[in-house]
Amino acid sequence: MGVIGRLHKEKRYANRRQWFAVCTGDATEAFEPCYWESSIEFGQRDAATELVAHFRRTHARTAPPCM
């Protein structure tokens, strides 16, 4: 299981749209807008902040493996 799968499992997010950008584009730049769009929709602003911070710390310059 790649990092995205682990984060998905740990955070238990039902919406998978936020992972699409990570697996198809630049790791950091593509990830954040897509994740924020999904999280704001579901009122998960704090969770989004936490997950984006974790993503930046662990994968700032490299794209993570897709599930």
N, C-alpha and C. Protein backbone atom coordinates (compact mmCIF):
# COMPACT_ATOMS: atom_id res chain seq x y z
N MET A 1 0.86 -1.19 0.00
CA MET A 1 0.00 0.00 0.00
C MET A 1 0.89 1.23 0.00
N GLY A 2 0.64 2.13 -0.93
CA GLY A 2 1.42 3.36 -1.01
C GLY A 2 1.03 4.35 0.08
N VAL A 3 1.74 5.47 0.09
CA VAL A 3 1.48 6.48 1.12
C VAL A 3 0.04 6.98 1.06
N ILE A 4 -0.51 7.09 -0.14
CA ILE A 4 -1.88 7.58 -0.27
C ILE A 4 -2.85 6.59 0.38
N GLY A 5 -2.61 5.32 0.15
CA GLY A 5 -3.46 4.31 0.77
C GLY A 5 -3.38 4.37 2.28
N ARG A 6 -2.17 4.56 2.80
CA ARG A 6 -2.00 4.64 4.26
C ARG A 6 -2.71 5.86 4.81
N LEU A 7 -2.55 7.02 4.15
CA LEU A 7 -3.22 8.22 4.63
C LEU A 7 -4.73 8.06 4.56
N HIS A 8 -5.20 7.45 3.48
CA HIS A 8 -6.64 7.24 3.32
C HIS A 8 -7.16 6.36 4.46
N LYS A 9 -6.42 5.31 4.75
CA LYS A 9 -6.84 4.38 5.79
C LYS A 9 -6.81 5.06 7.16
N GLU A 10 -5.74 5.80 7.44
CA GLU A 10 -5.60 6.45 8.74
C GLU A 10 -6.67 7.51 8.96
N LYS A 11 -6.95 8.29 7.93
CA LYS A 11 -7.89 9.40 8.09
C LYS A 11 -9.34 9.01 7.79
N ARG A 12 -9.51 7.87 7.14
CA ARG A 12 -10.85 7.36 6.83
C ARG A 12 -11.70 8.34 6.03
N TYR A 13 -11.10 8.92 5.01
CA TYR A 13 -11.86 9.82 4.14
C TYR A 13 -12.62 8.98 3.11
N ALA A 14 -13.89 9.26 2.98
CA ALA A 14 -14.71 8.49 2.05
C ALA A 14 -14.53 8.99 0.62
N ASN A 15 -14.25 10.27 0.46
CA ASN A 15 -14.16 10.85 -0.87
C ASN A 15 -12.76 10.65 -1.44
N ARG A 16 -12.67 9.98 -2.58
CA ARG A 16 -11.35 9.70 -3.16
C ARG A 16 -10.91 10.72 -4.21
N ARG A 17 -11.72 11.73 -4.51
CA ARG A 17 -11.32 12.70 -5.53
C ARG A 17 -10.01 13.39 -5.18
N GLN A 18 -9.75 13.62 -3.89
CA GLN A 18 -8.55 14.34 -3.51
C GLN A 18 -7.27 13.58 -3.85
N TRP A 19 -7.35 12.26 -4.00
CA TRP A 19 -6.14 11.49 -4.30
C TRP A 19 -5.78 11.54 -5.78
N PHE A 20 -6.74 11.83 -6.63
CA PHE A 20 -6.51 11.78 -8.07
C PHE A 20 -5.37 12.69 -8.50
N ALA A 21 -5.35 13.93 -7.99
CA ALA A 21 -4.32 14.88 -8.40
C ALA A 21 -2.94 14.42 -7.97
N VAL A 22 -2.85 13.77 -6.83
CA VAL A 22 -1.55 13.32 -6.35
C VAL A 22 -0.98 12.27 -7.29
N CYS A 23 -1.83 11.40 -7.76
CA CYS A 23 -1.37 10.28 -8.58
C CYS A 23 -1.17 10.65 -10.04
N THR A 24 -1.63 11.82 -10.45
CA THR A 24 -1.55 12.16 -11.87
C THR A 24 -0.74 13.41 -12.16
N GLY A 25 -0.30 14.12 -11.14
CA GLY A 25 0.42 15.36 -11.41
C GLY A 25 1.54 15.62 -10.43
N ASP A 26 1.98 16.86 -10.40
CA ASP A 26 3.02 17.27 -9.46
C ASP A 26 2.53 17.02 -8.04
N ALA A 27 3.36 16.41 -7.24
CA ALA A 27 2.94 15.97 -5.91
C ALA A 27 2.33 17.07 -5.06
N THR A 28 3.06 18.13 -4.82
CA THR A 28 2.56 19.15 -3.90
C THR A 28 1.57 20.09 -4.56
N GLU A 29 1.90 20.60 -5.74
CA GLU A 29 1.05 21.61 -6.37
C GLU A 29 -0.30 21.05 -6.80
N ALA A 30 -0.33 19.83 -7.28
CA ALA A 30 -1.59 19.25 -7.74
C ALA A 30 -2.43 18.75 -6.57
N PHE A 31 -1.76 18.33 -5.52
CA PHE A 31 -2.46 17.73 -4.39
C PHE A 31 -3.34 18.72 -3.64
N GLU A 32 -2.80 19.87 -3.30
CA GLU A 32 -3.50 20.77 -2.40
C GLU A 32 -4.84 21.31 -2.91
N PRO A 33 -4.91 21.87 -4.12
CA PRO A 33 -6.21 22.41 -4.56
C PRO A 33 -7.29 21.34 -4.61
N CYS A 34 -6.93 20.17 -5.08
CA CYS A 34 -7.91 19.09 -5.19
C CYS A 34 -8.36 18.65 -3.81
N TYR A 35 -7.43 18.54 -2.89
CA TYR A 35 -7.80 18.13 -1.54
C TYR A 35 -8.66 19.19 -0.86
N TRP A 36 -8.26 20.45 -1.00
CA TRP A 36 -9.03 21.52 -0.37
C TRP A 36 -10.45 21.58 -0.91
N GLU A 37 -10.60 21.39 -2.19
CA GLU A 37 -11.94 21.42 -2.79
C GLU A 37 -12.83 20.35 -2.14
N SER A 38 -12.30 19.17 -1.99
CA SER A 38 -13.08 18.08 -1.41
C SER A 38 -13.33 18.30 0.07
N SER A 39 -12.31 18.75 0.79
CA SER A 39 -12.44 18.86 2.24
C SER A 39 -13.37 19.99 2.64
N ILE A 40 -13.32 21.10 1.93
CA ILE A 40 -14.19 22.23 2.26
C ILE A 40 -15.64 21.82 2.02
N GLU A 41 -15.83 21.07 0.94
CA GLU A 41 -17.16 20.57 0.61
C GLU A 41 -17.75 19.77 1.78
N PHE A 42 -16.92 19.04 2.47
CA PHE A 42 -17.38 18.19 3.56
C PHE A 42 -17.09 18.78 4.94
N GLY A 43 -16.69 20.06 4.99
CA GLY A 43 -16.44 20.71 6.26
C GLY A 43 -15.25 20.15 7.02
N GLN A 44 -14.22 19.73 6.29
CA GLN A 44 -13.06 19.12 6.93
C GLN A 44 -11.83 20.02 6.85
N ARG A 45 -12.01 21.30 7.05
CA ARG A 45 -10.89 22.24 6.89
C ARG A 45 -9.71 21.88 7.81
N ASP A 46 -9.96 21.55 9.06
CA ASP A 46 -8.88 21.20 9.98
C ASP A 46 -8.17 19.93 9.55
N ALA A 47 -8.93 18.96 9.12
CA ALA A 47 -8.34 17.71 8.65
C ALA A 47 -7.51 17.96 7.40
N ALA A 48 -7.98 18.84 6.54
CA ALA A 48 -7.24 19.16 5.32
C ALA A 48 -5.91 19.80 5.68
N THR A 49 -5.93 20.73 6.61
CA THR A 49 -4.69 21.39 7.03
C THR A 49 -3.69 20.37 7.56
N GLU A 50 -4.18 19.47 8.38
CA GLU A 50 -3.31 18.45 8.97
C GLU A 50 -2.73 17.52 7.90
N LEU A 51 -3.57 17.08 6.98
CA LEU A 51 -3.11 16.15 5.96
C LEU A 51 -2.15 16.82 4.98
N VAL A 52 -2.44 18.05 4.59
CA VAL A 52 -1.55 18.78 3.69
C VAL A 52 -0.20 18.99 4.35
N ALA A 53 -0.19 19.33 5.63
CA ALA A 53 1.07 19.52 6.36
C ALA A 53 1.87 18.22 6.39
N HIS A 54 1.19 17.11 6.64
CA HIS A 54 1.86 15.81 6.66
C HIS A 54 2.42 15.49 5.28
N PHE A 55 1.63 15.75 4.25
CA PHE A 55 2.06 15.49 2.88
C PHE A 55 3.31 16.30 2.55
N ARG A 56 3.32 17.58 2.91
CA ARG A 56 4.47 18.44 2.64
C ARG A 56 5.72 17.95 3.35
N ARG A 57 5.57 17.50 4.59
CA ARG A 57 6.73 17.03 5.36
C ARG A 57 7.32 15.76 4.75
N THR A 58 6.48 14.87 4.30
CA THR A 58 6.96 13.57 3.86
C THR A 58 7.23 13.46 2.36
N HIS A 59 6.57 14.30 1.56
CA HIS A 59 6.72 14.19 0.11
C HIS A 59 6.84 15.55 -0.56
N ALA A 60 7.66 16.39 0.00
CA ALA A 60 7.76 17.75 -0.53
C ALA A 60 8.29 17.79 -1.96
N ARG A 61 9.20 16.90 -2.31
CA ARG A 61 9.83 16.99 -3.63
C ARG A 61 9.62 15.76 -4.50
N THR A 62 8.94 14.77 -3.98
CA THR A 62 8.75 13.56 -4.78
C THR A 62 7.28 13.16 -4.80
N ALA A 63 6.85 12.68 -5.91
CA ALA A 63 5.46 12.21 -6.01
C ALA A 63 5.35 10.86 -5.31
N PRO A 64 4.34 10.68 -4.49
CA PRO A 64 4.16 9.40 -3.80
C PRO A 64 3.63 8.33 -4.76
N PRO A 65 3.83 7.07 -4.43
CA PRO A 65 3.27 6.01 -5.28
C PRO A 65 1.75 5.99 -5.17
N CYS A 66 1.11 5.69 -6.27
CA CYS A 66 -0.35 5.61 -6.24
C CYS A 66 -0.77 4.26 -5.69
N MET A 67 -2.01 4.19 -5.25
CA MET A 67 -2.52 2.92 -4.72
C MET A 67 -2.59 1.91 -5.84
